[in-house]
N, C-alpha and C. Protein backbone atom coordinates (compact mmCIF):
# COMPACT_ATOMS: atom_id res chain seq x y z
N UNK A 1 3.54 33.41 -9.37
CA UNK A 1 4.47 32.69 -8.52
C UNK A 1 3.71 31.76 -7.65
N UNK A 2 4.15 30.48 -7.49
CA UNK A 2 3.53 29.49 -6.69
C UNK A 2 3.85 29.59 -5.21
N UNK A 3 2.91 29.33 -4.36
CA UNK A 3 3.08 29.39 -2.97
C UNK A 3 3.26 28.09 -2.36
N UNK A 4 4.45 27.84 -1.67
CA UNK A 4 4.62 26.56 -0.97
C UNK A 4 4.04 26.71 0.42
N UNK A 5 3.31 25.72 0.85
CA UNK A 5 2.77 25.76 2.21
C UNK A 5 3.25 24.45 2.97
N UNK A 6 3.52 24.69 4.28
CA UNK A 6 3.85 23.56 5.08
C UNK A 6 2.59 22.97 5.69
N UNK A 7 2.45 21.64 5.63
CA UNK A 7 1.26 21.01 6.08
C UNK A 7 1.63 19.83 7.12
N UNK A 8 0.87 19.78 8.13
CA UNK A 8 1.08 18.65 9.05
C UNK A 8 0.53 17.40 8.32
N UNK A 9 1.17 16.21 8.47
CA UNK A 9 0.62 15.01 7.95
C UNK A 9 -0.48 14.57 8.91
N UNK A 10 -1.74 14.54 8.40
CA UNK A 10 -2.89 14.27 9.21
C UNK A 10 -2.83 12.72 9.59
N UNK A 11 -3.52 12.36 10.78
CA UNK A 11 -3.55 10.95 11.21
C UNK A 11 -4.12 10.09 10.17
N UNK A 12 -5.00 10.54 9.28
CA UNK A 12 -5.57 9.70 8.24
C UNK A 12 -4.51 9.19 7.24
N UNK A 13 -3.45 10.04 7.09
CA UNK A 13 -2.39 9.66 6.07
C UNK A 13 -1.07 9.25 6.67
N UNK A 14 -1.05 9.22 8.01
CA UNK A 14 0.27 8.85 8.70
C UNK A 14 0.65 7.42 8.30
N UNK A 15 1.73 7.35 7.49
CA UNK A 15 2.35 6.07 7.12
C UNK A 15 3.80 6.34 6.82
N UNK A 16 4.68 5.52 7.45
CA UNK A 16 6.11 5.79 7.29
C UNK A 16 6.64 5.68 5.82
N UNK A 17 6.02 4.91 4.97
CA UNK A 17 6.42 4.78 3.58
C UNK A 17 6.21 6.07 2.82
N UNK A 18 5.08 6.65 3.05
CA UNK A 18 4.78 7.82 2.32
C UNK A 18 5.10 9.19 3.04
N UNK A 19 5.07 9.14 4.31
CA UNK A 19 5.35 10.35 5.19
C UNK A 19 6.27 10.00 6.37
N UNK A 20 7.59 9.92 6.11
CA UNK A 20 8.42 9.59 7.22
C UNK A 20 8.54 10.77 8.18
N UNK A 21 8.24 11.98 7.72
CA UNK A 21 8.30 13.17 8.60
C UNK A 21 6.84 13.56 9.00
N UNK A 22 6.74 14.42 10.00
CA UNK A 22 5.37 14.78 10.55
C UNK A 22 4.82 15.91 9.69
N UNK A 23 5.62 16.60 8.87
CA UNK A 23 5.14 17.75 7.99
C UNK A 23 5.64 17.48 6.67
N UNK A 24 4.97 18.18 5.69
CA UNK A 24 5.37 18.08 4.30
C UNK A 24 5.08 19.41 3.66
N UNK A 25 5.60 19.67 2.48
CA UNK A 25 5.46 20.99 1.81
C UNK A 25 4.91 20.72 0.46
N UNK A 26 3.83 21.52 0.07
CA UNK A 26 3.15 21.41 -1.19
C UNK A 26 3.07 22.75 -1.88
N UNK A 27 3.01 22.73 -3.17
CA UNK A 27 2.68 23.96 -3.96
C UNK A 27 1.18 23.99 -4.08
N UNK A 28 0.59 24.78 -3.19
CA UNK A 28 -0.92 24.83 -3.17
C UNK A 28 -1.63 25.10 -4.37
N UNK A 29 -1.11 25.99 -5.22
CA UNK A 29 -1.83 26.38 -6.48
C UNK A 29 -1.93 25.15 -7.53
N UNK A 30 -1.00 24.26 -7.37
CA UNK A 30 -1.07 23.12 -8.34
C UNK A 30 -2.33 22.31 -8.07
N UNK A 31 -2.99 22.42 -6.91
CA UNK A 31 -4.13 21.52 -6.64
C UNK A 31 -5.44 22.27 -6.52
N UNK A 32 -5.54 23.52 -7.09
CA UNK A 32 -6.78 24.23 -7.10
C UNK A 32 -7.75 23.56 -8.09
N UNK A 33 -7.13 22.79 -9.04
CA UNK A 33 -7.93 22.04 -10.01
C UNK A 33 -7.30 20.79 -10.37
N UNK A 34 -7.65 20.19 -11.53
CA UNK A 34 -7.11 18.90 -11.87
C UNK A 34 -6.26 19.02 -13.12
N UNK A 35 -5.10 18.43 -13.17
CA UNK A 35 -4.23 18.40 -14.25
C UNK A 35 -3.42 17.14 -14.25
N UNK A 36 -3.47 16.44 -15.35
CA UNK A 36 -2.68 15.14 -15.45
C UNK A 36 -1.21 15.44 -15.46
N UNK A 37 -0.78 16.66 -15.72
CA UNK A 37 0.64 17.03 -15.76
C UNK A 37 1.24 17.27 -14.43
N UNK A 38 0.42 17.34 -13.39
CA UNK A 38 1.01 17.53 -12.04
C UNK A 38 1.95 16.38 -11.66
N UNK A 39 3.14 16.73 -11.21
CA UNK A 39 4.08 15.62 -10.77
C UNK A 39 3.47 14.85 -9.62
N UNK A 40 3.93 13.58 -9.61
CA UNK A 40 3.37 12.72 -8.49
C UNK A 40 3.88 13.21 -7.16
N UNK A 41 2.99 13.38 -6.26
CA UNK A 41 3.28 13.55 -4.82
C UNK A 41 2.25 12.68 -4.10
N UNK A 42 2.65 12.17 -2.94
CA UNK A 42 1.82 11.26 -2.24
C UNK A 42 0.56 12.03 -1.68
N UNK A 43 -0.55 11.75 -2.30
CA UNK A 43 -1.86 12.21 -1.73
C UNK A 43 -2.02 13.67 -1.53
N UNK A 44 -1.62 14.52 -2.47
CA UNK A 44 -1.67 15.97 -2.21
C UNK A 44 -3.03 16.41 -1.98
N UNK A 45 -4.04 16.07 -2.68
CA UNK A 45 -5.44 16.55 -2.47
C UNK A 45 -5.88 16.16 -1.06
N UNK A 46 -5.60 15.03 -0.67
CA UNK A 46 -5.98 14.53 0.69
C UNK A 46 -5.24 15.35 1.72
N UNK A 47 -3.95 15.66 1.57
CA UNK A 47 -3.19 16.42 2.58
C UNK A 47 -3.92 17.79 2.73
N UNK A 48 -4.28 18.39 1.64
CA UNK A 48 -4.94 19.73 1.69
C UNK A 48 -6.27 19.58 2.34
N UNK A 49 -7.03 18.55 1.92
CA UNK A 49 -8.44 18.36 2.48
C UNK A 49 -8.39 18.15 4.04
N UNK A 50 -7.49 17.22 4.42
CA UNK A 50 -7.52 16.88 5.93
C UNK A 50 -6.88 18.04 6.69
N UNK A 51 -6.24 19.04 6.06
CA UNK A 51 -5.68 20.21 6.73
C UNK A 51 -6.60 21.39 6.62
N UNK A 52 -7.85 21.14 6.06
CA UNK A 52 -8.84 22.21 5.86
C UNK A 52 -8.32 23.32 4.99
N UNK A 53 -7.58 22.94 3.93
CA UNK A 53 -7.11 23.95 2.99
C UNK A 53 -8.02 23.77 1.76
N UNK A 54 -8.58 24.84 1.28
CA UNK A 54 -9.49 24.68 0.12
C UNK A 54 -8.72 24.28 -1.07
N UNK A 55 -9.20 23.29 -1.75
CA UNK A 55 -8.51 22.85 -3.01
C UNK A 55 -9.59 21.87 -3.76
N UNK A 56 -9.18 21.46 -4.87
CA UNK A 56 -10.04 20.56 -5.66
C UNK A 56 -10.15 19.22 -4.94
N UNK A 57 -11.35 18.63 -4.97
CA UNK A 57 -11.57 17.35 -4.27
C UNK A 57 -11.86 16.23 -5.35
N UNK A 58 -10.84 15.69 -5.88
CA UNK A 58 -10.99 14.78 -7.11
C UNK A 58 -11.91 13.51 -6.79
N UNK A 59 -11.93 13.12 -5.54
CA UNK A 59 -12.73 11.83 -5.24
C UNK A 59 -14.22 12.14 -5.45
N UNK A 60 -14.59 13.36 -5.53
CA UNK A 60 -16.08 13.63 -5.80
C UNK A 60 -16.40 13.29 -7.28
N UNK A 61 -15.33 13.23 -8.10
CA UNK A 61 -15.47 12.85 -9.51
C UNK A 61 -14.44 11.69 -9.76
N UNK A 62 -14.27 10.92 -8.70
CA UNK A 62 -13.24 9.97 -8.62
C UNK A 62 -13.19 8.89 -9.79
N UNK A 63 -14.32 8.36 -10.11
CA UNK A 63 -14.32 7.40 -11.25
C UNK A 63 -13.88 7.97 -12.49
N UNK A 64 -14.01 9.25 -12.71
CA UNK A 64 -13.62 9.97 -13.90
C UNK A 64 -12.10 10.05 -13.94
N UNK A 65 -11.42 10.24 -12.83
CA UNK A 65 -9.98 10.34 -12.70
C UNK A 65 -9.22 9.07 -12.67
N UNK A 66 -9.88 7.90 -12.36
CA UNK A 66 -9.31 6.68 -12.12
C UNK A 66 -8.61 6.18 -13.43
N UNK A 67 -9.18 6.45 -14.56
CA UNK A 67 -8.55 6.06 -15.78
C UNK A 67 -7.17 6.67 -15.98
N UNK A 68 -7.08 8.00 -15.65
CA UNK A 68 -5.82 8.67 -15.72
C UNK A 68 -4.83 8.12 -14.84
N UNK A 69 -5.27 7.79 -13.56
CA UNK A 69 -4.35 7.20 -12.56
C UNK A 69 -3.85 5.86 -13.05
N UNK A 70 -4.61 5.12 -13.69
CA UNK A 70 -4.16 3.75 -14.18
C UNK A 70 -3.16 4.01 -15.42
N UNK A 71 -3.40 4.98 -16.16
CA UNK A 71 -2.45 5.35 -17.30
C UNK A 71 -1.04 5.72 -16.73
N UNK A 72 -1.09 6.50 -15.70
CA UNK A 72 0.18 6.84 -15.01
C UNK A 72 0.92 5.58 -14.50
N UNK A 73 0.16 4.62 -13.96
CA UNK A 73 0.63 3.37 -13.53
C UNK A 73 1.38 2.66 -14.70
N UNK A 74 0.87 2.65 -15.84
CA UNK A 74 1.41 1.91 -17.03
C UNK A 74 2.89 2.35 -17.23
N UNK A 75 3.12 3.67 -17.17
CA UNK A 75 4.51 4.12 -17.35
C UNK A 75 5.33 3.65 -16.24
N UNK A 76 4.90 3.68 -15.03
CA UNK A 76 5.73 3.20 -13.84
C UNK A 76 5.94 1.73 -13.93
N UNK A 77 4.88 1.02 -14.31
CA UNK A 77 4.96 -0.40 -14.57
C UNK A 77 6.20 -0.81 -15.46
N UNK A 78 6.21 -0.12 -16.66
CA UNK A 78 7.19 -0.33 -17.56
C UNK A 78 8.62 -0.11 -17.05
N UNK A 79 8.81 1.06 -16.27
CA UNK A 79 10.01 1.41 -15.67
C UNK A 79 10.54 0.30 -14.67
N UNK A 80 9.54 -0.05 -13.80
CA UNK A 80 9.86 -1.11 -12.75
C UNK A 80 10.23 -2.32 -13.42
N UNK A 81 9.48 -2.82 -14.44
CA UNK A 81 9.78 -4.08 -15.10
C UNK A 81 11.17 -4.02 -15.64
N UNK A 82 11.59 -2.94 -16.33
CA UNK A 82 12.91 -2.88 -16.84
C UNK A 82 14.00 -2.86 -15.72
N UNK A 83 13.73 -2.12 -14.66
CA UNK A 83 14.71 -2.14 -13.59
C UNK A 83 14.91 -3.47 -12.97
N UNK A 84 13.80 -4.25 -12.72
CA UNK A 84 13.83 -5.57 -12.17
C UNK A 84 14.57 -6.52 -13.16
N UNK A 85 14.29 -6.43 -14.41
CA UNK A 85 14.85 -7.32 -15.38
C UNK A 85 16.44 -7.06 -15.45
N UNK A 86 16.86 -5.83 -15.10
CA UNK A 86 18.29 -5.51 -15.18
C UNK A 86 18.91 -5.66 -13.72
N UNK A 87 18.07 -6.17 -12.89
CA UNK A 87 18.54 -6.46 -11.47
C UNK A 87 18.95 -5.16 -10.77
N UNK A 88 18.27 -4.05 -11.03
CA UNK A 88 18.56 -2.77 -10.40
C UNK A 88 17.42 -2.48 -9.33
N UNK A 89 17.37 -3.54 -8.44
CA UNK A 89 16.30 -3.47 -7.41
C UNK A 89 16.45 -2.19 -6.62
N UNK A 90 17.62 -1.75 -6.31
CA UNK A 90 17.79 -0.57 -5.45
C UNK A 90 17.25 0.74 -5.98
N UNK A 91 16.87 0.74 -7.25
CA UNK A 91 16.33 1.81 -7.84
C UNK A 91 14.87 1.87 -8.02
N UNK A 92 14.20 0.81 -7.46
CA UNK A 92 12.72 0.68 -7.62
C UNK A 92 11.84 1.27 -6.54
N UNK A 93 12.36 1.53 -5.35
CA UNK A 93 11.51 2.03 -4.32
C UNK A 93 10.73 3.23 -4.54
N UNK A 94 11.35 4.30 -5.14
CA UNK A 94 10.59 5.48 -5.52
C UNK A 94 9.42 5.23 -6.47
N UNK A 95 9.71 4.42 -7.45
CA UNK A 95 8.72 4.07 -8.45
C UNK A 95 7.56 3.26 -7.72
N UNK A 96 7.99 2.25 -6.87
CA UNK A 96 6.96 1.38 -6.23
C UNK A 96 6.09 2.27 -5.34
N UNK A 97 6.76 3.24 -4.71
CA UNK A 97 5.94 4.08 -3.82
C UNK A 97 4.96 4.92 -4.56
N UNK A 98 5.29 5.28 -5.75
CA UNK A 98 4.38 6.09 -6.56
C UNK A 98 3.24 5.07 -7.06
N UNK A 99 3.64 3.93 -7.43
CA UNK A 99 2.63 2.95 -7.83
C UNK A 99 1.69 2.54 -6.81
N UNK A 100 2.15 2.31 -5.59
CA UNK A 100 1.29 2.01 -4.46
C UNK A 100 0.32 3.14 -4.16
N UNK A 101 0.92 4.34 -4.21
CA UNK A 101 0.09 5.55 -3.97
C UNK A 101 -0.99 5.70 -4.99
N UNK A 102 -0.63 5.52 -6.29
CA UNK A 102 -1.65 5.52 -7.39
C UNK A 102 -2.69 4.49 -7.21
N UNK A 103 -2.26 3.32 -6.82
CA UNK A 103 -3.29 2.22 -6.63
C UNK A 103 -4.33 2.59 -5.48
N UNK A 104 -3.77 2.98 -4.38
CA UNK A 104 -4.72 3.34 -3.17
C UNK A 104 -5.55 4.50 -3.63
N UNK A 105 -4.99 5.50 -4.34
CA UNK A 105 -5.82 6.63 -4.77
C UNK A 105 -6.91 6.16 -5.66
N UNK A 106 -6.57 5.34 -6.62
CA UNK A 106 -7.65 4.83 -7.54
C UNK A 106 -8.72 4.11 -6.82
N UNK A 107 -8.37 3.26 -5.91
CA UNK A 107 -9.34 2.44 -5.18
C UNK A 107 -10.31 3.35 -4.41
N UNK A 108 -9.72 4.25 -3.58
CA UNK A 108 -10.54 5.16 -2.75
C UNK A 108 -11.35 6.05 -3.60
N UNK A 109 -10.75 6.70 -4.61
CA UNK A 109 -11.44 7.71 -5.43
C UNK A 109 -12.61 7.05 -6.25
N UNK A 110 -12.41 5.90 -6.69
CA UNK A 110 -13.49 5.26 -7.43
C UNK A 110 -14.73 5.07 -6.56
N UNK A 111 -14.53 4.95 -5.29
CA UNK A 111 -15.63 4.79 -4.28
C UNK A 111 -16.12 6.16 -3.71
N UNK A 112 -15.60 7.27 -4.26
CA UNK A 112 -15.92 8.63 -3.93
C UNK A 112 -15.41 9.09 -2.54
N UNK A 113 -14.28 8.44 -2.10
CA UNK A 113 -13.69 8.86 -0.84
C UNK A 113 -12.23 9.26 -0.97
N UNK A 114 -11.78 10.16 -0.11
CA UNK A 114 -10.43 10.52 -0.02
C UNK A 114 -9.65 9.27 0.55
N UNK A 115 -8.36 9.14 0.25
CA UNK A 115 -7.55 8.11 0.73
C UNK A 115 -7.40 8.14 2.26
N UNK A 116 -7.46 7.04 2.87
CA UNK A 116 -7.18 6.94 4.32
C UNK A 116 -6.17 5.81 4.54
N UNK A 117 -4.99 6.10 5.03
CA UNK A 117 -4.03 5.10 5.19
C UNK A 117 -4.08 4.50 6.54
N UNK A 118 -4.51 5.23 7.57
CA UNK A 118 -4.54 4.75 8.93
C UNK A 118 -5.59 3.69 9.02
N UNK A 119 -5.25 2.54 9.46
CA UNK A 119 -6.12 1.44 9.58
C UNK A 119 -6.84 1.06 8.22
N UNK A 120 -6.01 1.19 7.20
CA UNK A 120 -6.55 0.94 5.81
C UNK A 120 -7.24 -0.42 5.70
N UNK A 121 -6.80 -1.46 6.43
CA UNK A 121 -7.52 -2.70 6.32
C UNK A 121 -9.01 -2.60 6.70
N UNK A 122 -9.35 -1.86 7.76
CA UNK A 122 -10.75 -1.65 8.10
C UNK A 122 -11.35 -0.73 6.97
N UNK A 123 -10.79 0.29 6.52
CA UNK A 123 -11.38 1.16 5.53
C UNK A 123 -11.63 0.31 4.26
N UNK A 124 -10.84 -0.56 3.86
CA UNK A 124 -10.96 -1.31 2.58
C UNK A 124 -12.22 -2.20 2.76
N UNK A 125 -12.48 -2.71 3.86
CA UNK A 125 -13.63 -3.54 4.09
C UNK A 125 -14.96 -2.94 3.74
N UNK A 126 -14.99 -1.63 3.79
CA UNK A 126 -16.23 -0.90 3.46
C UNK A 126 -16.37 -0.64 1.93
N UNK A 127 -15.42 -0.99 1.14
CA UNK A 127 -15.45 -0.71 -0.32
C UNK A 127 -15.93 -2.05 -1.07
N UNK A 128 -16.65 -1.79 -2.09
CA UNK A 128 -17.27 -2.94 -2.82
C UNK A 128 -16.52 -3.42 -4.04
N UNK A 129 -15.98 -2.56 -4.81
CA UNK A 129 -15.36 -2.95 -6.12
C UNK A 129 -13.87 -3.04 -6.00
N UNK A 130 -13.41 -4.13 -5.31
CA UNK A 130 -11.97 -4.29 -5.08
C UNK A 130 -11.55 -5.69 -5.39
N UNK A 131 -10.24 -5.83 -5.67
CA UNK A 131 -9.69 -7.15 -5.90
C UNK A 131 -9.91 -8.10 -4.62
N UNK A 132 -9.82 -9.35 -4.84
CA UNK A 132 -9.95 -10.32 -3.82
C UNK A 132 -8.75 -10.24 -2.78
N UNK A 133 -8.95 -10.40 -1.50
CA UNK A 133 -7.86 -10.33 -0.47
C UNK A 133 -7.00 -9.08 -0.60
N UNK A 134 -7.61 -8.00 -0.88
CA UNK A 134 -6.88 -6.76 -1.10
C UNK A 134 -6.06 -6.36 0.13
N UNK A 135 -6.70 -6.36 1.30
CA UNK A 135 -6.12 -5.86 2.56
C UNK A 135 -4.78 -6.71 2.77
N UNK A 136 -4.77 -8.01 2.68
CA UNK A 136 -3.66 -8.88 2.88
C UNK A 136 -2.57 -8.60 1.88
N UNK A 137 -3.06 -8.48 0.66
CA UNK A 137 -2.06 -8.23 -0.42
C UNK A 137 -1.38 -6.89 -0.32
N UNK A 138 -2.13 -5.88 0.03
CA UNK A 138 -1.55 -4.58 0.28
C UNK A 138 -0.58 -4.59 1.41
N UNK A 139 -0.94 -5.28 2.50
CA UNK A 139 -0.11 -5.35 3.68
C UNK A 139 1.29 -5.93 3.25
N UNK A 140 1.33 -7.00 2.41
CA UNK A 140 2.44 -7.60 1.99
C UNK A 140 3.30 -6.64 1.22
N UNK A 141 2.67 -5.93 0.34
CA UNK A 141 3.39 -4.91 -0.56
C UNK A 141 3.99 -3.84 0.28
N UNK A 142 3.17 -3.31 1.33
CA UNK A 142 3.66 -2.20 2.11
C UNK A 142 4.78 -2.55 3.07
N UNK A 143 4.89 -3.89 3.37
CA UNK A 143 6.03 -4.37 4.30
C UNK A 143 7.29 -4.40 3.55
N UNK A 144 7.32 -4.72 2.19
CA UNK A 144 8.55 -4.84 1.41
C UNK A 144 8.23 -4.22 0.13
N UNK A 145 8.08 -2.88 0.01
CA UNK A 145 7.70 -2.19 -1.24
C UNK A 145 8.67 -2.35 -2.44
N UNK A 146 9.94 -2.53 -2.13
CA UNK A 146 11.00 -2.57 -3.24
C UNK A 146 11.27 -3.98 -3.73
N UNK A 147 10.52 -4.99 -3.27
CA UNK A 147 10.95 -6.36 -3.69
C UNK A 147 10.20 -6.69 -4.99
N UNK A 148 10.73 -7.66 -5.73
CA UNK A 148 10.14 -8.04 -6.97
C UNK A 148 8.77 -8.71 -6.80
N UNK A 149 8.58 -9.45 -5.65
CA UNK A 149 7.29 -10.03 -5.45
C UNK A 149 6.18 -8.99 -5.15
N UNK A 150 6.55 -7.96 -4.55
CA UNK A 150 5.64 -6.88 -4.26
C UNK A 150 5.28 -6.15 -5.60
N UNK A 151 6.22 -5.99 -6.38
CA UNK A 151 6.02 -5.41 -7.74
C UNK A 151 5.02 -6.22 -8.57
N UNK A 152 5.24 -7.58 -8.52
CA UNK A 152 4.36 -8.48 -9.23
C UNK A 152 2.95 -8.42 -8.71
N UNK A 153 2.87 -8.36 -7.36
CA UNK A 153 1.57 -8.26 -6.62
C UNK A 153 0.80 -7.02 -7.05
N UNK A 154 1.58 -5.92 -7.05
CA UNK A 154 0.93 -4.68 -7.37
C UNK A 154 0.48 -4.65 -8.77
N UNK A 155 1.27 -5.14 -9.66
CA UNK A 155 0.92 -5.23 -11.07
C UNK A 155 -0.38 -6.07 -11.18
N UNK A 156 -0.51 -7.14 -10.57
CA UNK A 156 -1.69 -7.95 -10.59
C UNK A 156 -2.87 -7.32 -10.05
N UNK A 157 -2.68 -6.51 -8.91
CA UNK A 157 -3.70 -5.77 -8.29
C UNK A 157 -4.31 -4.74 -9.27
N UNK A 158 -3.43 -4.06 -10.04
CA UNK A 158 -3.85 -3.03 -10.98
C UNK A 158 -4.64 -3.70 -12.07
N UNK A 159 -4.20 -4.89 -12.51
CA UNK A 159 -4.93 -5.65 -13.62
C UNK A 159 -6.35 -5.98 -13.11
N UNK A 160 -6.44 -6.52 -11.90
CA UNK A 160 -7.74 -6.96 -11.35
C UNK A 160 -8.62 -5.73 -11.08
N UNK A 161 -7.98 -4.68 -10.53
CA UNK A 161 -8.76 -3.51 -10.25
C UNK A 161 -9.32 -2.81 -11.56
N UNK A 162 -8.55 -2.88 -12.65
CA UNK A 162 -9.03 -2.34 -13.89
C UNK A 162 -10.30 -3.02 -14.40
N UNK A 163 -10.38 -4.40 -14.17
CA UNK A 163 -11.58 -5.07 -14.50
C UNK A 163 -12.75 -4.62 -13.59
N UNK A 164 -12.49 -4.42 -12.32
CA UNK A 164 -13.50 -3.98 -11.37
C UNK A 164 -13.97 -2.54 -11.83
N UNK A 165 -13.06 -1.74 -12.23
CA UNK A 165 -13.27 -0.35 -12.70
C UNK A 165 -14.31 -0.37 -13.91
N UNK A 166 -13.94 -1.25 -14.91
CA UNK A 166 -14.79 -1.31 -16.11
C UNK A 166 -16.13 -1.75 -15.78
N UNK A 167 -16.28 -2.72 -14.87
CA UNK A 167 -17.61 -3.23 -14.48
C UNK A 167 -18.41 -2.08 -13.82
N UNK A 168 -17.66 -1.42 -12.92
CA UNK A 168 -18.28 -0.26 -12.13
C UNK A 168 -18.74 0.82 -13.14
N UNK A 169 -17.94 1.13 -14.13
CA UNK A 169 -18.40 2.15 -15.12
C UNK A 169 -19.58 1.72 -15.86
N UNK A 170 -19.60 0.46 -16.34
CA UNK A 170 -20.74 0.00 -17.13
C UNK A 170 -22.00 -0.01 -16.34
N UNK A 171 -21.83 -0.54 -15.01
CA UNK A 171 -22.98 -0.56 -14.14
C UNK A 171 -23.58 0.83 -13.87
N UNK A 172 -22.66 1.78 -13.60
CA UNK A 172 -23.14 3.19 -13.42
C UNK A 172 -23.65 3.91 -14.58
N UNK A 173 -23.08 3.54 -15.74
CA UNK A 173 -23.60 4.12 -17.02
C UNK A 173 -25.01 3.63 -17.23
N UNK A 174 -25.27 2.36 -16.94
CA UNK A 174 -26.61 1.81 -17.07
C UNK A 174 -27.60 2.48 -16.13
N UNK A 175 -27.11 2.76 -14.94
CA UNK A 175 -28.05 3.41 -13.92
C UNK A 175 -28.44 4.79 -14.47
N UNK A 176 -27.42 5.56 -14.99
CA UNK A 176 -27.78 6.84 -15.47
C UNK A 176 -28.76 6.85 -16.63
N UNK A 177 -28.54 5.80 -17.57
CA UNK A 177 -29.39 5.79 -18.80
C UNK A 177 -30.85 5.28 -18.42
N UNK A 178 -30.87 4.36 -17.42
CA UNK A 178 -32.21 3.88 -16.98
C UNK A 178 -33.03 4.94 -16.24
N UNK A 179 -32.42 6.02 -15.77
CA UNK A 179 -33.17 7.10 -15.13
C UNK A 179 -33.64 8.08 -16.13
N UNK A 180 -33.26 8.07 -17.33
CA UNK A 180 -33.71 9.03 -18.29
C UNK A 180 -35.03 8.78 -18.82
């Protein structure tokens, strides 16, 4: 039987798009390890981590999980594209929220850090392998998450980030082999 626990939304994750309430509920057992089949919830591992609840810390193996996060985005991207083409904009917010969450997770985890939403513009400045003008572009997306222009921008950010990820993996693979 899974145990639901109530968690305070920590200052690091306080953002009205993802956490309109001050508390949230998680199934703790789902996050003891990693599984691609876990349904999307906004930053569950970080919620547990910032609340000092023992769980898996995927950012410690972040680059390994980034590929899976980008695969999840491809499904969301397809759904969003279809909804926008059918002019069903009202049904895109949930998907866009998932996509934005996946993107932020991928960026932070690739750098070996848990996601921090509070003052994310400052946090992003400390990261190396990111798309150009990321802070400004993310601000635009977060201000109007269900708009078509935000969707296009997020899609483009994922494309650019994937290139950064590939470079990062090649560079780090070469570092490992040169140490042998």
